[in-house]
Amino acid sequence: MDILTEILAPAIEEARRSIPSAAKLEAKADCPLFGDGGVDSMGLVRFIIMVEERIEDRTQVQLTLASDKAMSRKSSPFRTVGALAEYVTECLDAEGYDG
């Protein structure tokens, strides 16, 4: 499954319509997700929830993306859209999802 295309792109479109700070988000791997050029902290929380819901709808796997595992990483999985796509793929792999 292409996480960027099938999960993140639709979530970004939804976020652009419903989260004011998400107006500049794009479904591009190098697009900043959080911080300078990305969404604000409340926008990030809302966006992560959207992504988690899309993951569960698409894969039947329930993930918590904003976990201790994510927060303890040397490099944040929330810095760019591409980093989040890689992190989601890693989490799905860890859950045994092979779809």
C-alpha atoms as a PDB file:
ATOM      1  CA  MET A   1       0.000   0.000   0.000  1.00  0.00           C
ATOM      2  CA  ASP A   2       1.254   3.477  -0.834  1.00  0.00           C
ATOM      3  CA  ILE A   3       0.651   5.293   2.458  1.00  0.00           C
ATOM      4  CA  LEU A   4       1.245   8.741   0.965  1.00  0.00           C
ATOM      5  CA  THR A   5      -1.349   8.265  -1.768  1.00  0.00           C
ATOM      6  CA  GLU A   6      -3.937   6.090  -0.056  1.00  0.00           C
ATOM      7  CA  ILE A   7      -3.893   7.427   3.517  1.00  0.00           C
ATOM      8  CA  LEU A   8      -2.107  10.768   3.799  1.00  0.00           C
ATOM      9  CA  ALA A   9      -3.256  12.523   0.614  1.00  0.00           C
ATOM     10  CA  PRO A  10      -6.981  12.171   1.449  1.00  0.00           C
ATOM     11  CA  ALA A  11      -6.291  13.155   5.078  1.00  0.00           C
ATOM     12  CA  ILE A  12      -4.409  16.245   3.875  1.00  0.00           C
ATOM     13  CA  GLU A  13      -7.322  17.255   1.646  1.00  0.00           C
ATOM     14  CA  GLU A  14      -9.718  16.859   4.577  1.00  0.00           C
ATOM     15  CA  ALA A  15      -7.355  18.799   6.850  1.00  0.00           C
ATOM     16  CA  ARG A  16      -7.053  21.653   4.358  1.00  0.00           C
ATOM     17  CA  ARG A  17     -10.841  22.032   4.479  1.00  0.00           C
ATOM     18  CA  SER A  18     -11.249  21.764   8.252  1.00  0.00           C
ATOM     19  CA  ILE A  19      -8.018  22.890   9.967  1.00  0.00           C
ATOM     20  CA  PRO A  20      -7.097  26.556   9.405  1.00  0.00           C
ATOM     21  CA  SER A  21      -3.349  26.018   9.901  1.00  0.00           C
ATOM     22  CA  ALA A  22      -3.321  23.181   7.331  1.00  0.00           C
ATOM     23  CA  ALA A  23      -3.902  25.450   4.327  1.00  0.00           C
ATOM     24  CA  LYS A  24      -0.330  24.974   3.070  1.00  0.00           C
ATOM     25  CA  LEU A  25      -0.151  21.187   3.513  1.00  0.00           C
ATOM     26  CA  GLU A  26       0.527  19.200   0.355  1.00  0.00           C
ATOM     27  CA  ALA A  27       0.723  15.478  -0.324  1.00  0.00           C
ATOM     28  CA  LYS A  28       4.436  15.687  -1.070  1.00  0.00           C
ATOM     29  CA  ALA A  29       7.088  13.799   0.892  1.00  0.00           C
ATOM     30  CA  ASP A  30       9.171  16.928   1.589  1.00  0.00           C
ATOM     31  CA  CYS A  31       6.216  19.072   2.716  1.00  0.00           C
ATOM     32  CA  PRO A  32       6.652  20.265   6.324  1.00  0.00           C
ATOM     33  CA  LEU A  33       3.984  18.753   8.548  1.00  0.00           C
ATOM     34  CA  PHE A  34       4.650  20.512  11.833  1.00  0.00           C
ATOM     35  CA  GLY A  35       6.453  23.698  12.714  1.00  0.00           C
ATOM     36  CA  ASP A  36       7.669  26.238  10.186  1.00  0.00           C
ATOM     37  CA  GLY A  37       5.450  25.829   7.121  1.00  0.00           C
ATOM     38  CA  GLY A  38       3.319  23.102   8.714  1.00  0.00           C
ATOM     39  CA  VAL A  39       0.331  22.979  11.015  1.00  0.00           C
ATOM     40  CA  ASP A  40       0.197  24.335  14.549  1.00  0.00           C
ATOM     41  CA  SER A  41       0.100  21.994  17.562  1.00  0.00           C
ATOM     42  CA  MET A  42      -3.705  21.705  17.725  1.00  0.00           C
ATOM     43  CA  GLY A  43      -3.807  21.211  13.970  1.00  0.00           C
ATOM     44  CA  LEU A  44      -1.262  18.402  14.269  1.00  0.00           C
ATOM     45  CA  VAL A  45      -3.365  16.634  16.886  1.00  0.00           C
ATOM     46  CA  ARG A  46      -6.460  16.873  14.698  1.00  0.00           C
ATOM     47  CA  PHE A  47      -4.520  15.728  11.632  1.00  0.00           C
ATOM     48  CA  ILE A  48      -3.044  12.716  13.444  1.00  0.00           C
ATOM     49  CA  ILE A  49      -6.553  11.667  14.499  1.00  0.00           C
ATOM     50  CA  MET A  50      -7.702  11.934  10.868  1.00  0.00           C
ATOM     51  CA  VAL A  51      -4.788   9.774   9.752  1.00  0.00           C
ATOM     52  CA  GLU A  52      -5.404   7.168  12.479  1.00  0.00           C
ATOM     53  CA  GLU A  53      -9.071   6.944  11.457  1.00  0.00           C
ATOM     54  CA  ARG A  54      -8.150   6.501   7.776  1.00  0.00           C
ATOM     55  CA  ILE A  55      -5.609   3.820   8.664  1.00  0.00           C
ATOM     56  CA  GLU A  56      -8.184   1.880  10.638  1.00  0.00           C
ATOM     57  CA  ASP A  57     -10.843   2.258   7.920  1.00  0.00           C
ATOM     58  CA  ARG A  58      -8.427   1.091   5.212  1.00  0.00           C
ATOM     59  CA  THR A  59      -6.488  -1.627   7.060  1.00  0.00           C
ATOM     60  CA  GLN A  60      -8.619  -2.635  10.068  1.00  0.00           C
ATOM     61  CA  VAL A  61      -5.487  -1.942  12.172  1.00  0.00           C
ATOM     62  CA  GLN A  62      -5.842   0.445  15.100  1.00  0.00           C
ATOM     63  CA  LEU A  63      -2.700   2.556  15.599  1.00  0.00           C
ATOM     64  CA  THR A  64      -1.791   5.298  18.043  1.00  0.00           C
ATOM     65  CA  LEU A  65       0.689   7.424  16.126  1.00  0.00           C
ATOM     66  CA  ALA A  66       1.452   9.959  18.861  1.00  0.00           C
ATOM     67  CA  SER A  67       2.952   7.380  21.207  1.00  0.00           C
ATOM     68  CA  ASP A  68       6.025   7.191  23.431  1.00  0.00           C
ATOM     69  CA  LYS A  69       7.678   5.329  20.566  1.00  0.00           C
ATOM     70  CA  ALA A  70       7.149   8.306  18.254  1.00  0.00           C
ATOM     71  CA  MET A  71       8.089  10.924  20.810  1.00  0.00           C
ATOM     72  CA  SER A  72      11.303   9.195  21.868  1.00  0.00           C
ATOM     73  CA  ARG A  73      12.746   9.065  18.356  1.00  0.00           C
ATOM     74  CA  LYS A  74      15.835  11.037  17.522  1.00  0.00           C
ATOM     75  CA  SER A  75      14.091  12.396  14.427  1.00  0.00           C
ATOM     76  CA  SER A  76      10.374  13.217  14.714  1.00  0.00           C
ATOM     77  CA  PRO A  77       8.032  11.271  12.465  1.00  0.00           C
ATOM     78  CA  PHE A  78       5.917  14.439  12.317  1.00  0.00           C
ATOM     79  CA  ARG A  79       8.511  16.727  10.687  1.00  0.00           C
ATOM     80  CA  THR A  80       7.398  16.073   7.082  1.00  0.00           C
ATOM     81  CA  VAL A  81       4.649  14.260   5.254  1.00  0.00           C
ATOM     82  CA  GLY A  82       7.215  11.747   3.989  1.00  0.00           C
ATOM     83  CA  ALA A  83       8.537  11.068   7.491  1.00  0.00           C
ATOM     84  CA  LEU A  84       4.979  10.378   8.650  1.00  0.00           C
ATOM     85  CA  ALA A  85       4.392   8.028   5.706  1.00  0.00           C
ATOM     86  CA  GLU A  86       7.539   6.081   6.623  1.00  0.00           C
ATOM     87  CA  TYR A  87       6.499   5.943  10.270  1.00  0.00           C
ATOM     88  CA  VAL A  88       2.982   4.714   9.425  1.00  0.00           C
ATOM     89  CA  THR A  89       4.486   2.008   7.207  1.00  0.00           C
ATOM     90  CA  GLU A  90       6.820   0.972  10.032  1.00  0.00           C
ATOM     91  CA  CYS A  91       3.939   0.828  12.528  1.00  0.00           C
ATOM     92  CA  LEU A  92       1.770  -1.230  10.172  1.00  0.00           C
ATOM     93  CA  ASP A  93       4.670  -3.614   9.567  1.00  0.00           C
ATOM     94  CA  ALA A  94       5.142  -3.987  13.332  1.00  0.00           C
ATOM     95  CA  GLU A  95       1.458  -4.926  13.619  1.00  0.00           C
ATOM     96  CA  GLY A  96       1.897  -7.598  10.959  1.00  0.00           C
ATOM     97  CA  TYR A  97      -0.130  -5.812   8.282  1.00  0.00           C
ATOM     98  CA  ASP A  98       0.907  -6.952   4.827  1.00  0.00           C
ATOM     99  CA  GLY A  99      -1.862  -5.462   2.671  1.00  0.00           C
END
